[in-house]
Amino acid sequence: MQKLTLWSLLALLLITAVTACGGDSVAGDDAATSGDTPINVVTTIGMIADIAENVGGEHVQVTGLMGPGIDPHLYKASAGDVNRLQEADIIFYNGLHLEAAMGEVLERMSGADVTTVAVAEGIDPDKLQAPPEFQGFHDPHVWFNVAFWMEATAAVRDALVEMDPEHADAYAANAEAYLADLAELDAYVAEQAARVPEDKRVLVTAHDAFNYFGQAYGFDVRGLQGISTASEASTSDVQELAHFIAENEIPAIFVESSVPPRTVEAVQAAVRAQGFDVQIGGELFSDAMGNPGTPEGTYNGMVRHNVDTIVSALLGG
C-alpha cells in the first residue's frame, strides 16, 4: 500500500511538471505572435520622427538619427546608424535628395529586407519647386508648407497600416487627430503671416529652406546659400544680398539652428557698410527641430516658433 501510494505520488508530480512545461510553451508562442512588440521605426530628420511617434503611438518604437542642430544635407551615417538602419522594421526618410550624403546607405537598405519609405516623394511633382541651380532635383524642404506635411503624414500612416494591419484602426485614429492639429497649424501660420503688410513680407535666411513657406503664405524668400548647404556663398553673393537688403530697407534677417551663423553675420556687416542697420531677427528652425522636451522639439511647435519669430521681427517687435 505504501509502495502504491509512493508511485501514485511520483506519477502525479510527473504529470504536473509536463503540463506546466506545455503551458509555458503555449504562452510563449502566443506572446511571440500576438503583435504586441512595437514596430522598430528609424527616421532621418526629426520632423518625420514626430509624425511616426504621433501616428504610431504605443505600437512603435521610434529612433531619429538626426537631432537638434543637425544639417541633413551634409549628414553622413555612422557605423552605429548603419546598425540601427539594418535592425529597423521600417525606415522613413524625406527623399527628394535631402539626405544626399546618406543616399548610398539608404539605397542599400531599400535593396535589403527593410521597408523604406520616402515620405515626400509621394507628393505630386507638379506642386513641387525645382530651382535650376539644384541640379535637376526638387526642393526637398516640403515641411514648410503644412499642407504638404499632411500628405507626408498620410504616407506614414499608410505604410504602418500595411505593415501592421492588426492595429490599422489605431493608426487611422492617431493620424486623424494629428492631421486635425496640422490643419489648425496651417490656419494659424496663414493668420500670422497676414499680419505683415505684403510689401514687407521678405524673408532673408542662411539658405533656401523656406521657399515652400514663401509660396504657401505669401513671402518673398531670399537665401544666402542655395537649396543645399553643401554650396558655399561667395563674396559676391554676400554683397548682392546686402545691396538688396539695404535698398529695400529690410528690417531683419534670420539665422538658422542647423547652419553656422557666420554667413548671416557677414551679410549684416555688409549691409551696415552700405549705411543701413539690419537686425538679426532671431533663430529659425529649418532642417532640424529644437531640443526634445521643448515646444520647438515638435513639428507643431517648431513651425509656430518660426512664424512668430518672423512676424515679430518684420513688424519691429
C-alpha atoms as a PDB file:
ATOM      1  CA  MET A   1       0.000   0.000   0.000  1.00  0.00           C
ATOM      2  CA  GLN A   2       2.857   2.352   0.863  1.00  0.00           C
ATOM      3  CA  LYS A   3       4.628   1.470  -2.424  1.00  0.00           C
ATOM      4  CA  LEU A   4       1.433   2.134  -4.383  1.00  0.00           C
ATOM      5  CA  THR A   5       0.969   5.470  -2.718  1.00  0.00           C
ATOM      6  CA  LEU A   6       4.583   6.442  -3.445  1.00  0.00           C
ATOM      7  CA  TRP A   7       4.300   5.532  -7.151  1.00  0.00           C
ATOM      8  CA  SER A   8       0.994   7.375  -7.405  1.00  0.00           C
ATOM      9  CA  LEU A   9       2.589  10.469  -5.911  1.00  0.00           C
ATOM     10  CA  LEU A  10       5.533  10.304  -8.329  1.00  0.00           C
ATOM     11  CA  ALA A  11       3.181   9.885 -11.288  1.00  0.00           C
ATOM     12  CA  LEU A  12       1.140  12.877 -10.165  1.00  0.00           C
ATOM     13  CA  LEU A  13       4.250  15.042  -9.855  1.00  0.00           C
ATOM     14  CA  LEU A  14       5.413  13.964 -13.334  1.00  0.00           C
ATOM     15  CA  ILE A  15       2.041  14.812 -14.927  1.00  0.00           C
ATOM     16  CA  THR A  16       2.028  18.195 -13.189  1.00  0.00           C
ATOM     17  CA  ALA A  17       5.543  19.011 -14.436  1.00  0.00           C
ATOM     18  CA  VAL A  18       4.741  18.038 -18.038  1.00  0.00           C
ATOM     19  CA  THR A  19       1.541  20.086 -18.003  1.00  0.00           C
ATOM     20  CA  ALA A  20       3.386  23.109 -16.626  1.00  0.00           C
ATOM     21  CA  CYS A  21       6.076  22.900 -19.314  1.00  0.00           C
ATOM     22  CA  GLY A  22       3.467  22.591 -22.043  1.00  0.00           C
ATOM     23  CA  GLY A  23       1.597  25.561 -20.660  1.00  0.00           C
ATOM     24  CA  ASP A  24       4.711  27.735 -20.674  1.00  0.00           C
ATOM     25  CA  SER A  25       5.408  26.813 -24.284  1.00  0.00           C
ATOM     26  CA  VAL A  26       1.945  27.807 -25.442  1.00  0.00           C
ATOM     27  CA  ALA A  27       2.107  31.092 -23.570  1.00  0.00           C
ATOM     28  CA  GLY A  28       5.472  31.894 -25.157  1.00  0.00           C
ATOM     29  CA  ASP A  29       4.163  31.175 -28.650  1.00  0.00           C
ATOM     30  CA  ASP A  30       1.155  33.430 -28.042  1.00  0.00           C
ATOM     31  CA  ALA A  31       3.408  36.270 -26.880  1.00  0.00           C
ATOM     32  CA  ALA A  32       5.675  35.876 -29.885  1.00  0.00           C
ATOM     33  CA  THR A  33       2.801  36.066 -32.365  1.00  0.00           C
ATOM     34  CA  SER A  34       0.478  38.496 -30.612  1.00  0.00           C
ATOM     35  CA  GLY A  35       1.839  41.553 -32.414  1.00  0.00           C
ATOM     36  CA  ASP A  36       2.377  43.402 -29.132  1.00  0.00           C
ATOM     37  CA  THR A  37       6.074  44.001 -29.832  1.00  0.00           C
ATOM     38  CA  PRO A  38       6.430  47.613 -31.049  1.00  0.00           C
ATOM     39  CA  ILE A  39       7.494  48.154 -34.638  1.00  0.00           C
ATOM     40  CA  ASN A  40      11.107  49.314 -34.776  1.00  0.00           C
ATOM     41  CA  VAL A  41      10.938  52.595 -36.731  1.00  0.00           C
ATOM     42  CA  VAL A  42      14.036  54.566 -37.741  1.00  0.00           C
ATOM     43  CA  THR A  43      13.745  58.034 -39.260  1.00  0.00           C
ATOM     44  CA  THR A  44      16.221  60.560 -40.586  1.00  0.00           C
ATOM     45  CA  ILE A  45      15.043  64.088 -39.675  1.00  0.00           C
ATOM     46  CA  GLY A  46      13.157  64.943 -36.509  1.00  0.00           C
ATOM     47  CA  MET A  47      10.094  66.212 -38.343  1.00  0.00           C
ATOM     48  CA  ILE A  48       9.482  62.697 -39.684  1.00  0.00           C
ATOM     49  CA  ALA A  49      10.116  61.189 -36.250  1.00  0.00           C
ATOM     50  CA  ASP A  50       7.383  63.490 -34.922  1.00  0.00           C
ATOM     51  CA  ILE A  51       4.907  62.069 -37.456  1.00  0.00           C
ATOM     52  CA  ALA A  52       5.880  58.471 -36.691  1.00  0.00           C
ATOM     53  CA  GLU A  53       5.562  58.927 -32.935  1.00  0.00           C
ATOM     54  CA  ASN A  54       2.162  60.579 -33.194  1.00  0.00           C
ATOM     55  CA  VAL A  55       0.698  58.212 -35.765  1.00  0.00           C
ATOM     56  CA  GLY A  56       2.291  55.025 -34.417  1.00  0.00           C
ATOM     57  CA  GLY A  57       1.604  55.720 -30.759  1.00  0.00           C
ATOM     58  CA  GLU A  58       2.215  52.784 -28.430  1.00  0.00           C
ATOM     59  CA  HIS A  59       2.671  50.384 -31.332  1.00  0.00           C
ATOM     60  CA  VAL A  60       6.007  51.822 -32.497  1.00  0.00           C
ATOM     61  CA  GLN A  61       9.449  52.478 -31.090  1.00  0.00           C
ATOM     62  CA  VAL A  62      10.940  55.445 -32.980  1.00  0.00           C
ATOM     63  CA  THR A  63      14.625  56.295 -33.333  1.00  0.00           C
ATOM     64  CA  GLY A  64      15.520  59.558 -35.073  1.00  0.00           C
ATOM     65  CA  LEU A  65      19.055  59.691 -36.452  1.00  0.00           C
ATOM     66  CA  MET A  66      19.339  63.477 -36.821  1.00  0.00           C
ATOM     67  CA  GLY A  67      18.819  65.511 -33.676  1.00  0.00           C
ATOM     68  CA  PRO A  68      18.736  69.259 -32.958  1.00  0.00           C
ATOM     69  CA  GLY A  69      21.160  71.373 -34.968  1.00  0.00           C
ATOM     70  CA  ILE A  70      21.984  68.613 -37.447  1.00  0.00           C
ATOM     71  CA  ASP A  71      22.207  69.502 -41.130  1.00  0.00           C
ATOM     72  CA  PRO A  72      20.663  66.638 -43.157  1.00  0.00           C
ATOM     73  CA  HIS A  73      22.281  67.818 -46.395  1.00  0.00           C
ATOM     74  CA  LEU A  74      25.725  67.028 -45.014  1.00  0.00           C
ATOM     75  CA  TYR A  75      24.929  64.254 -42.534  1.00  0.00           C
ATOM     76  CA  LYS A  76      26.820  61.001 -43.033  1.00  0.00           C
ATOM     77  CA  ALA A  77      25.679  57.792 -41.403  1.00  0.00           C
ATOM     78  CA  SER A  78      27.952  56.465 -38.670  1.00  0.00           C
ATOM     79  CA  ALA A  79      28.602  52.767 -38.105  1.00  0.00           C
ATOM     80  CA  GLY A  80      26.042  52.896 -35.301  1.00  0.00           C
ATOM     81  CA  ASP A  81      23.491  54.480 -37.638  1.00  0.00           C
ATOM     82  CA  VAL A  82      24.010  51.722 -40.198  1.00  0.00           C
ATOM     83  CA  ASN A  83      23.382  49.115 -37.494  1.00  0.00           C
ATOM     84  CA  ARG A  84      20.187  50.896 -36.435  1.00  0.00           C
ATOM     85  CA  LEU A  85      19.015  51.039 -40.029  1.00  0.00           C
ATOM     86  CA  GLN A  86      19.748  47.345 -40.563  1.00  0.00           C
ATOM     87  CA  GLU A  87      17.818  46.406 -37.411  1.00  0.00           C
ATOM     88  CA  ALA A  88      14.784  48.554 -38.301  1.00  0.00           C
ATOM     89  CA  ASP A  89      11.456  47.096 -39.351  1.00  0.00           C
ATOM     90  CA  ILE A  90      10.738  50.234 -41.380  1.00  0.00           C
ATOM     91  CA  ILE A  91      12.738  53.345 -42.316  1.00  0.00           C
ATOM     92  CA  PHE A  92      11.092  56.689 -43.015  1.00  0.00           C
ATOM     93  CA  TYR A  93      13.164  59.354 -44.751  1.00  0.00           C
ATOM     94  CA  ASN A  94      12.326  62.544 -46.624  1.00  0.00           C
ATOM     95  CA  GLY A  95      13.763  61.830 -50.051  1.00  0.00           C
ATOM     96  CA  LEU A  96      13.984  64.436 -52.825  1.00  0.00           C
ATOM     97  CA  HIS A  97      17.746  64.387 -52.293  1.00  0.00           C
ATOM     98  CA  LEU A  98      17.532  65.933 -48.805  1.00  0.00           C
ATOM     99  CA  GLU A  99      19.681  63.226 -47.185  1.00  0.00           C
ATOM    100  CA  ALA A 100      22.213  63.479 -50.003  1.00  0.00           C
ATOM    101  CA  ALA A 101      25.236  62.202 -48.082  1.00  0.00           C
ATOM    102  CA  MET A 102      23.219  59.180 -46.901  1.00  0.00           C
ATOM    103  CA  GLY A 103      21.938  58.308 -50.352  1.00  0.00           C
ATOM    104  CA  GLU A 104      24.116  55.222 -50.844  1.00  0.00           C
ATOM    105  CA  VAL A 105      23.245  53.819 -47.408  1.00  0.00           C
ATOM    106  CA  LEU A 106      19.513  54.343 -47.927  1.00  0.00           C
ATOM    107  CA  GLU A 107      19.678  52.718 -51.364  1.00  0.00           C
ATOM    108  CA  ARG A 108      21.408  49.711 -49.819  1.00  0.00           C
ATOM    109  CA  MET A 109      18.683  49.405 -47.191  1.00  0.00           C
ATOM    110  CA  SER A 110      15.909  49.570 -49.795  1.00  0.00           C
ATOM    111  CA  GLY A 111      17.507  46.584 -51.508  1.00  0.00           C
ATOM    112  CA  ALA A 112      17.627  44.584 -48.258  1.00  0.00           C
ATOM    113  CA  ASP A 113      14.781  43.129 -46.184  1.00  0.00           C
ATOM    114  CA  VAL A 114      13.941  46.513 -44.631  1.00  0.00           C
ATOM    115  CA  THR A 115      10.907  48.518 -45.702  1.00  0.00           C
ATOM    116  CA  THR A 116      11.923  52.062 -46.698  1.00  0.00           C
ATOM    117  CA  VAL A 117       9.524  54.929 -47.356  1.00  0.00           C
ATOM    118  CA  ALA A 118      10.457  58.363 -48.762  1.00  0.00           C
ATOM    119  CA  VAL A 119       7.584  60.357 -47.292  1.00  0.00           C
ATOM    120  CA  ALA A 120       7.973  63.423 -49.535  1.00  0.00           C
ATOM    121  CA  GLU A 121       8.241  61.609 -52.831  1.00  0.00           C
ATOM    122  CA  GLY A 122       4.533  60.808 -52.935  1.00  0.00           C
ATOM    123  CA  ILE A 123       3.664  64.498 -53.276  1.00  0.00           C
ATOM    124  CA  ASP A 124       2.553  65.470 -56.767  1.00  0.00           C
ATOM    125  CA  PRO A 125       5.741  66.656 -58.561  1.00  0.00           C
ATOM    126  CA  ASP A 126       3.730  69.390 -60.258  1.00  0.00           C
ATOM    127  CA  LYS A 127       3.254  71.002 -56.831  1.00  0.00           C
ATOM    128  CA  LEU A 128       6.965  70.954 -56.049  1.00  0.00           C
ATOM    129  CA  GLN A 129       9.563  73.577 -56.844  1.00  0.00           C
ATOM    130  CA  ALA A 130      12.544  72.686 -58.992  1.00  0.00           C
ATOM    131  CA  PRO A 131      15.087  75.531 -58.893  1.00  0.00           C
ATOM    132  CA  PRO A 132      17.526  75.216 -61.807  1.00  0.00           C
ATOM    133  CA  GLU A 133      20.518  75.665 -59.507  1.00  0.00           C
ATOM    134  CA  PHE A 134      19.589  72.472 -57.625  1.00  0.00           C
ATOM    135  CA  GLN A 135      20.900  70.194 -60.363  1.00  0.00           C
ATOM    136  CA  GLY A 136      17.532  68.986 -61.625  1.00  0.00           C
ATOM    137  CA  PHE A 137      16.169  67.953 -58.229  1.00  0.00           C
ATOM    138  CA  HIS A 138      13.065  69.236 -56.477  1.00  0.00           C
ATOM    139  CA  ASP A 139      13.362  71.425 -53.407  1.00  0.00           C
ATOM    140  CA  PRO A 140      13.143  68.883 -50.538  1.00  0.00           C
ATOM    141  CA  HIS A 141      12.035  71.268 -47.747  1.00  0.00           C
ATOM    142  CA  VAL A 142       8.371  70.368 -48.130  1.00  0.00           C
ATOM    143  CA  TRP A 143       7.568  70.522 -44.390  1.00  0.00           C
ATOM    144  CA  PHE A 144       7.402  74.333 -44.555  1.00  0.00           C
ATOM    145  CA  ASN A 145       4.115  74.040 -46.395  1.00  0.00           C
ATOM    146  CA  VAL A 146       1.967  72.456 -43.686  1.00  0.00           C
ATOM    147  CA  ALA A 147      -0.458  71.103 -46.293  1.00  0.00           C
ATOM    148  CA  PHE A 148       2.419  69.151 -47.879  1.00  0.00           C
ATOM    149  CA  TRP A 149       3.390  67.766 -44.476  1.00  0.00           C
ATOM    150  CA  MET A 150      -0.140  66.481 -44.111  1.00  0.00           C
ATOM    151  CA  GLU A 151       0.497  64.403 -47.234  1.00  0.00           C
ATOM    152  CA  ALA A 152       3.696  63.075 -45.653  1.00  0.00           C
ATOM    153  CA  THR A 153       1.643  62.119 -42.589  1.00  0.00           C
ATOM    154  CA  ALA A 154      -0.726  60.127 -44.769  1.00  0.00           C
ATOM    155  CA  ALA A 155       2.268  58.293 -46.277  1.00  0.00           C
ATOM    156  CA  VAL A 156       3.493  57.265 -42.814  1.00  0.00           C
ATOM    157  CA  ARG A 157       0.001  56.160 -41.791  1.00  0.00           C
ATOM    158  CA  ASP A 158      -0.486  54.047 -44.908  1.00  0.00           C
ATOM    159  CA  ALA A 159       2.915  52.368 -44.524  1.00  0.00           C
ATOM    160  CA  LEU A 160       2.236  51.438 -40.885  1.00  0.00           C
ATOM    161  CA  VAL A 161      -1.218  50.094 -41.741  1.00  0.00           C
ATOM    162  CA  GLU A 162       0.251  47.945 -44.494  1.00  0.00           C
ATOM    163  CA  MET A 163       2.971  46.599 -42.192  1.00  0.00           C
ATOM    164  CA  ASP A 164       0.736  46.085 -39.162  1.00  0.00           C
ATOM    165  CA  PRO A 165      -2.915  45.714 -40.255  1.00  0.00           C
ATOM    166  CA  GLU A 166      -3.830  44.360 -36.803  1.00  0.00           C
ATOM    167  CA  HIS A 167      -3.565  47.922 -35.447  1.00  0.00           C
ATOM    168  CA  ALA A 168      -4.887  49.721 -38.520  1.00  0.00           C
ATOM    169  CA  ASP A 169      -7.721  51.366 -36.596  1.00  0.00           C
ATOM    170  CA  ALA A 170      -5.286  52.829 -34.065  1.00  0.00           C
ATOM    171  CA  TYR A 171      -3.050  54.237 -36.794  1.00  0.00           C
ATOM    172  CA  ALA A 172      -6.036  55.736 -38.597  1.00  0.00           C
ATOM    173  CA  ALA A 173      -7.387  57.360 -35.420  1.00  0.00           C
ATOM    174  CA  ASN A 174      -3.971  58.721 -34.422  1.00  0.00           C
ATOM    175  CA  ALA A 175      -3.403  60.102 -37.904  1.00  0.00           C
ATOM    176  CA  GLU A 176      -6.811  61.745 -37.937  1.00  0.00           C
ATOM    177  CA  ALA A 177      -6.035  63.560 -34.671  1.00  0.00           C
ATOM    178  CA  TYR A 178      -2.580  64.599 -35.880  1.00  0.00           C
ATOM    179  CA  LEU A 179      -3.934  65.834 -39.204  1.00  0.00           C
ATOM    180  CA  ALA A 180      -6.532  67.911 -37.359  1.00  0.00           C
ATOM    181  CA  ASP A 181      -3.695  69.554 -35.407  1.00  0.00           C
ATOM    182  CA  LEU A 182      -1.861  70.256 -38.658  1.00  0.00           C
ATOM    183  CA  ALA A 183      -4.942  71.802 -40.236  1.00  0.00           C
ATOM    184  CA  GLU A 184      -5.205  74.119 -37.241  1.00  0.00           C
ATOM    185  CA  LEU A 185      -1.484  74.888 -37.530  1.00  0.00           C
ATOM    186  CA  ASP A 186      -1.839  75.733 -41.234  1.00  0.00           C
ATOM    187  CA  ALA A 187      -4.606  78.222 -40.426  1.00  0.00           C
ATOM    188  CA  TYR A 188      -2.511  79.755 -37.633  1.00  0.00           C
ATOM    189  CA  VAL A 189       0.516  80.310 -39.891  1.00  0.00           C
ATOM    190  CA  ALA A 190      -1.647  81.926 -42.581  1.00  0.00           C
ATOM    191  CA  GLU A 191      -3.296  84.181 -39.984  1.00  0.00           C
ATOM    192  CA  GLN A 192       0.035  85.316 -38.536  1.00  0.00           C
ATOM    193  CA  ALA A 193       1.579  85.884 -41.965  1.00  0.00           C
ATOM    194  CA  ALA A 194      -1.358  88.112 -42.924  1.00  0.00           C
ATOM    195  CA  ARG A 195      -0.386  90.492 -40.111  1.00  0.00           C
ATOM    196  CA  VAL A 196       2.661  91.588 -42.125  1.00  0.00           C
ATOM    197  CA  PRO A 197       1.919  94.026 -44.988  1.00  0.00           C
ATOM    198  CA  GLU A 198       2.527  92.362 -48.342  1.00  0.00           C
ATOM    199  CA  ASP A 199       5.373  94.697 -49.287  1.00  0.00           C
ATOM    200  CA  LYS A 200       7.149  93.821 -46.008  1.00  0.00           C
ATOM    201  CA  ARG A 201       6.918  90.065 -46.390  1.00  0.00           C
ATOM    202  CA  VAL A 202      10.569  89.472 -47.268  1.00  0.00           C
ATOM    203  CA  LEU A 203      12.324  86.600 -45.516  1.00  0.00           C
ATOM    204  CA  VAL A 204      16.131  86.535 -45.662  1.00  0.00           C
ATOM    205  CA  THR A 205      17.814  83.439 -44.221  1.00  0.00           C
ATOM    206  CA  ALA A 206      21.055  81.499 -44.356  1.00  0.00           C
ATOM    207  CA  HIS A 207      19.954  79.110 -47.118  1.00  0.00           C
ATOM    208  CA  ASP A 208      16.951  78.500 -49.364  1.00  0.00           C
ATOM    209  CA  ALA A 209      14.997  76.267 -46.993  1.00  0.00           C
ATOM    210  CA  PHE A 210      11.851  78.397 -46.808  1.00  0.00           C
ATOM    211  CA  ASN A 211      10.673  78.564 -50.421  1.00  0.00           C
ATOM    212  CA  TYR A 212       7.597  76.416 -49.745  1.00  0.00           C
ATOM    213  CA  PHE A 213       6.801  78.634 -46.758  1.00  0.00           C
ATOM    214  CA  GLY A 214       7.018  81.660 -49.029  1.00  0.00           C
ATOM    215  CA  GLN A 215       4.889  80.032 -51.701  1.00  0.00           C
ATOM    216  CA  ALA A 216       2.164  78.961 -49.267  1.00  0.00           C
ATOM    217  CA  TYR A 217       1.995  82.093 -47.116  1.00  0.00           C
ATOM    218  CA  GLY A 218       2.996  84.913 -49.437  1.00  0.00           C
ATOM    219  CA  PHE A 219       6.641  85.724 -48.615  1.00  0.00           C
ATOM    220  CA  ASP A 220       9.496  86.701 -50.910  1.00  0.00           C
ATOM    221  CA  VAL A 221      12.247  84.360 -49.689  1.00  0.00           C
ATOM    222  CA  ARG A 222      15.942  85.130 -50.158  1.00  0.00           C
ATOM    223  CA  GLY A 223      18.592  82.640 -49.008  1.00  0.00           C
ATOM    224  CA  LEU A 224      22.297  83.374 -48.987  1.00  0.00           C
ATOM    225  CA  GLN A 225      23.228  79.789 -49.804  1.00  0.00           C
ATOM    226  CA  GLY A 226      21.306  77.619 -52.218  1.00  0.00           C
ATOM    227  CA  ILE A 227      18.824  74.822 -51.561  1.00  0.00           C
ATOM    228  CA  SER A 228      21.608  72.646 -50.146  1.00  0.00           C
ATOM    229  CA  THR A 229      24.053  73.916 -47.556  1.00  0.00           C
ATOM    230  CA  ALA A 230      26.745  71.981 -49.407  1.00  0.00           C
ATOM    231  CA  SER A 231      27.052  75.026 -51.657  1.00  0.00           C
ATOM    232  CA  GLU A 232      29.207  77.885 -50.405  1.00  0.00           C
ATOM    233  CA  ALA A 233      28.225  81.538 -50.544  1.00  0.00           C
ATOM    234  CA  SER A 234      30.757  83.714 -52.353  1.00  0.00           C
ATOM    235  CA  THR A 235      31.748  87.280 -51.521  1.00  0.00           C
ATOM    236  CA  SER A 236      29.695  88.486 -54.463  1.00  0.00           C
ATOM    237  CA  ASP A 237      26.658  86.593 -53.092  1.00  0.00           C
ATOM    238  CA  VAL A 238      27.054  88.396 -49.766  1.00  0.00           C
ATOM    239  CA  GLN A 239      27.413  91.793 -51.406  1.00  0.00           C
ATOM    240  CA  GLU A 240      24.477  91.248 -53.746  1.00  0.00           C
ATOM    241  CA  LEU A 241      22.166  90.223 -50.918  1.00  0.00           C
ATOM    242  CA  ALA A 242      23.412  93.088 -48.739  1.00  0.00           C
ATOM    243  CA  HIS A 243      22.614  95.565 -51.505  1.00  0.00           C
ATOM    244  CA  PHE A 244      19.085  94.156 -51.822  1.00  0.00           C
ATOM    245  CA  ILE A 245      18.507  94.446 -48.059  1.00  0.00           C
ATOM    246  CA  ALA A 246      19.825  97.999 -47.846  1.00  0.00           C
ATOM    247  CA  GLU A 247      17.977  99.172 -50.940  1.00  0.00           C
ATOM    248  CA  ASN A 248      14.654  97.737 -49.720  1.00  0.00           C
ATOM    249  CA  GLU A 249      15.295  98.566 -46.047  1.00  0.00           C
ATOM    250  CA  ILE A 250      14.517  95.064 -44.864  1.00  0.00           C
ATOM    251  CA  PRO A 251      14.363  95.394 -41.055  1.00  0.00           C
ATOM    252  CA  ALA A 252      15.511  91.899 -40.075  1.00  0.00           C
ATOM    253  CA  ILE A 253      17.315  88.813 -41.340  1.00  0.00           C
ATOM    254  CA  PHE A 254      17.461  85.404 -39.682  1.00  0.00           C
ATOM    255  CA  VAL A 255      19.957  82.736 -38.665  1.00  0.00           C
ATOM    256  CA  GLU A 256      19.119  79.013 -38.684  1.00  0.00           C
ATOM    257  CA  SER A 257      19.707  76.462 -35.948  1.00  0.00           C
ATOM    258  CA  SER A 258      21.356  73.950 -38.303  1.00  0.00           C
ATOM    259  CA  VAL A 259      23.567  76.434 -40.203  1.00  0.00           C
ATOM    260  CA  PRO A 260      26.535  78.312 -38.659  1.00  0.00           C
ATOM    261  CA  PRO A 261      25.532  81.979 -38.137  1.00  0.00           C
ATOM    262  CA  ARG A 262      28.723  83.449 -39.575  1.00  0.00           C
ATOM    263  CA  THR A 263      27.318  83.758 -43.109  1.00  0.00           C
ATOM    264  CA  VAL A 264      24.294  85.779 -41.990  1.00  0.00           C
ATOM    265  CA  GLU A 265      26.517  87.860 -39.724  1.00  0.00           C
ATOM    266  CA  ALA A 266      28.698  88.595 -42.760  1.00  0.00           C
ATOM    267  CA  VAL A 267      25.612  89.845 -44.612  1.00  0.00           C
ATOM    268  CA  GLN A 268      24.659  92.017 -41.643  1.00  0.00           C
ATOM    269  CA  ALA A 269      28.127  93.584 -41.629  1.00  0.00           C
ATOM    270  CA  ALA A 270      27.998  94.182 -45.390  1.00  0.00           C
ATOM    271  CA  VAL A 271      24.598  95.885 -45.067  1.00  0.00           C
ATOM    272  CA  ARG A 272      25.899  98.184 -42.350  1.00  0.00           C
ATOM    273  CA  ALA A 273      28.840  99.049 -44.566  1.00  0.00           C
ATOM    274  CA  GLN A 274      26.274 100.320 -47.077  1.00  0.00           C
ATOM    275  CA  GLY A 275      24.758 102.631 -44.476  1.00  0.00           C
ATOM    276  CA  PHE A 276      21.728 100.614 -43.343  1.00  0.00           C
ATOM    277  CA  ASP A 277      21.331  98.868 -39.991  1.00  0.00           C
ATOM    278  CA  VAL A 278      19.645  95.489 -40.344  1.00  0.00           C
ATOM    279  CA  GLN A 279      18.908  93.403 -37.260  1.00  0.00           C
ATOM    280  CA  ILE A 280      19.219  89.652 -36.802  1.00  0.00           C
ATOM    281  CA  GLY A 281      15.595  88.930 -36.025  1.00  0.00           C
ATOM    282  CA  GLY A 282      16.145  85.607 -34.304  1.00  0.00           C
ATOM    283  CA  GLU A 283      16.936  81.958 -34.882  1.00  0.00           C
ATOM    284  CA  LEU A 284      14.694  79.830 -37.099  1.00  0.00           C
ATOM    285  CA  PHE A 285      14.460  76.056 -37.188  1.00  0.00           C
ATOM    286  CA  SER A 286      14.897  74.942 -40.766  1.00  0.00           C
ATOM    287  CA  ASP A 287      16.380  71.481 -41.328  1.00  0.00           C
ATOM    288  CA  ALA A 288      16.169  70.354 -37.693  1.00  0.00           C
ATOM    289  CA  MET A 289      13.768  70.841 -34.806  1.00  0.00           C
ATOM    290  CA  GLY A 290      14.605  72.137 -31.326  1.00  0.00           C
ATOM    291  CA  ASN A 291      15.654  70.194 -28.245  1.00  0.00           C
ATOM    292  CA  PRO A 292      13.435  67.330 -27.040  1.00  0.00           C
ATOM    293  CA  GLY A 293      11.066  68.394 -24.309  1.00  0.00           C
ATOM    294  CA  THR A 294      10.741  71.959 -25.612  1.00  0.00           C
ATOM    295  CA  PRO A 295       7.868  73.281 -27.765  1.00  0.00           C
ATOM    296  CA  GLU A 296      10.315  73.659 -30.659  1.00  0.00           C
ATOM    297  CA  GLY A 297      11.190  69.971 -30.269  1.00  0.00           C
ATOM    298  CA  THR A 298       7.915  69.117 -32.023  1.00  0.00           C
ATOM    299  CA  TYR A 299       6.919  69.883 -35.600  1.00  0.00           C
ATOM    300  CA  ASN A 300       3.927  71.943 -34.497  1.00  0.00           C
ATOM    301  CA  GLY A 301       5.981  73.945 -32.006  1.00  0.00           C
ATOM    302  CA  MET A 302       8.838  74.459 -34.466  1.00  0.00           C
ATOM    303  CA  VAL A 303       6.529  75.910 -37.133  1.00  0.00           C
ATOM    304  CA  ARG A 304       4.762  78.161 -34.607  1.00  0.00           C
ATOM    305  CA  HIS A 305       8.114  79.413 -33.294  1.00  0.00           C
ATOM    306  CA  ASN A 306       9.285  80.208 -36.816  1.00  0.00           C
ATOM    307  CA  VAL A 307       6.247  82.189 -37.921  1.00  0.00           C
ATOM    308  CA  ASP A 308       6.016  84.031 -34.591  1.00  0.00           C
ATOM    309  CA  THR A 309       9.711  84.986 -34.798  1.00  0.00           C
ATOM    310  CA  ILE A 310       9.451  86.102 -38.432  1.00  0.00           C
ATOM    311  CA  VAL A 311       6.310  88.181 -37.937  1.00  0.00           C
ATOM    312  CA  SER A 312       7.554  89.806 -34.751  1.00  0.00           C
ATOM    313  CA  ALA A 313      10.883  90.822 -36.274  1.00  0.00           C
ATOM    314  CA  LEU A 314       9.435  92.120 -39.549  1.00  0.00           C
ATOM    315  CA  LEU A 315       6.875  94.180 -37.634  1.00  0.00           C
ATOM    316  CA  GLY A 316       9.627  95.618 -35.447  1.00  0.00           C
ATOM    317  CA  GLY A 317       8.672  93.711 -32.315  1.00  0.00           C
END
